[in-house]
């Protein structure tokens, strides 16, 4: 269970970073 929650937590952080990077690319 603990590993699963850790995976979800990492996925959320990665997704947030990916989203911000995508926004920076799209916005001038």
N, C-alpha and C. Protein backbone atom coordinates (compact mmCIF):
# COMPACT_ATOMS: atom_id res chain seq x y z
N UNK A 1 0.82 -1.21 0.00
CA UNK A 1 0.00 0.00 0.00
C UNK A 1 0.86 1.26 0.00
N UNK A 2 1.89 1.25 0.83
CA UNK A 2 2.74 2.43 0.97
C UNK A 2 3.41 2.75 -0.36
N UNK A 3 3.89 1.72 -1.05
CA UNK A 3 4.55 1.92 -2.34
C UNK A 3 3.58 2.51 -3.35
N UNK A 4 2.31 2.07 -3.27
CA UNK A 4 1.30 2.57 -4.20
C UNK A 4 1.07 4.05 -4.00
N UNK A 5 0.93 4.45 -2.72
CA UNK A 5 0.70 5.86 -2.42
C UNK A 5 1.89 6.71 -2.84
N UNK A 6 3.08 6.14 -2.67
CA UNK A 6 4.30 6.85 -3.06
C UNK A 6 4.32 7.04 -4.57
N UNK A 7 3.86 6.00 -5.29
CA UNK A 7 3.81 6.07 -6.74
C UNK A 7 2.83 7.15 -7.21
N UNK A 8 1.66 7.18 -6.57
CA UNK A 8 0.64 8.18 -6.92
C UNK A 8 1.16 9.58 -6.63
N UNK A 9 1.84 9.72 -5.50
CA UNK A 9 2.38 11.03 -5.11
C UNK A 9 3.40 11.49 -6.14
N UNK A 10 4.29 10.60 -6.56
CA UNK A 10 5.31 10.94 -7.55
C UNK A 10 4.66 11.26 -8.89
N UNK A 11 3.61 10.52 -9.24
CA UNK A 11 2.92 10.73 -10.51
C UNK A 11 2.27 12.11 -10.52
N UNK A 12 1.70 12.50 -9.38
CA UNK A 12 1.06 13.82 -9.29
C UNK A 12 2.10 14.93 -9.46
N UNK A 13 3.24 14.79 -8.78
CA UNK A 13 4.29 15.81 -8.88
C UNK A 13 4.81 15.88 -10.30
N UNK A 14 4.99 14.71 -10.92
CA UNK A 14 5.50 14.66 -12.29
C UNK A 14 4.50 15.31 -13.24
N UNK A 15 3.22 15.02 -13.04
CA UNK A 15 2.17 15.57 -13.89
C UNK A 15 2.10 17.09 -13.74
N UNK A 16 2.28 17.57 -12.53
CA UNK A 16 2.23 19.01 -12.29
C UNK A 16 3.39 19.70 -12.99
N UNK A 17 4.57 19.10 -12.89
CA UNK A 17 5.76 19.66 -13.53
C UNK A 17 5.61 19.62 -15.04
N UNK A 18 5.04 18.51 -15.53
CA UNK A 18 4.85 18.35 -16.97
C UNK A 18 3.85 19.39 -17.48
N UNK A 19 2.79 19.61 -16.70
CA UNK A 19 1.76 20.56 -17.09
C UNK A 19 2.32 21.98 -17.15
N UNK A 20 3.11 22.35 -16.16
CA UNK A 20 3.69 23.69 -16.12
C UNK A 20 4.66 23.87 -17.28
N UNK A 21 5.42 22.81 -17.60
CA UNK A 21 6.36 22.88 -18.72
C UNK A 21 5.60 23.04 -20.02
N UNK A 22 4.48 22.34 -20.14
CA UNK A 22 3.65 22.42 -21.34
C UNK A 22 3.09 23.83 -21.49
N UNK A 23 2.62 24.39 -20.38
CA UNK A 23 2.06 25.74 -20.41
C UNK A 23 3.13 26.76 -20.81
N UNK A 24 4.34 26.57 -20.29
CA UNK A 24 5.42 27.50 -20.62
C UNK A 24 5.75 27.43 -22.10
N UNK A 25 5.59 26.23 -22.68
CA UNK A 25 5.89 26.06 -24.10
C UNK A 25 4.81 26.71 -24.95
N UNK A 26 3.56 26.57 -24.52
CA UNK A 26 2.44 27.10 -25.30
C UNK A 26 2.34 28.61 -25.20
N UNK A 27 2.53 29.11 -23.98
CA UNK A 27 2.39 30.56 -23.79
C UNK A 27 3.66 31.29 -24.23
N UNK A 28 3.49 32.42 -24.90
CA UNK A 28 4.64 33.21 -25.39
C UNK A 28 5.40 33.88 -24.24
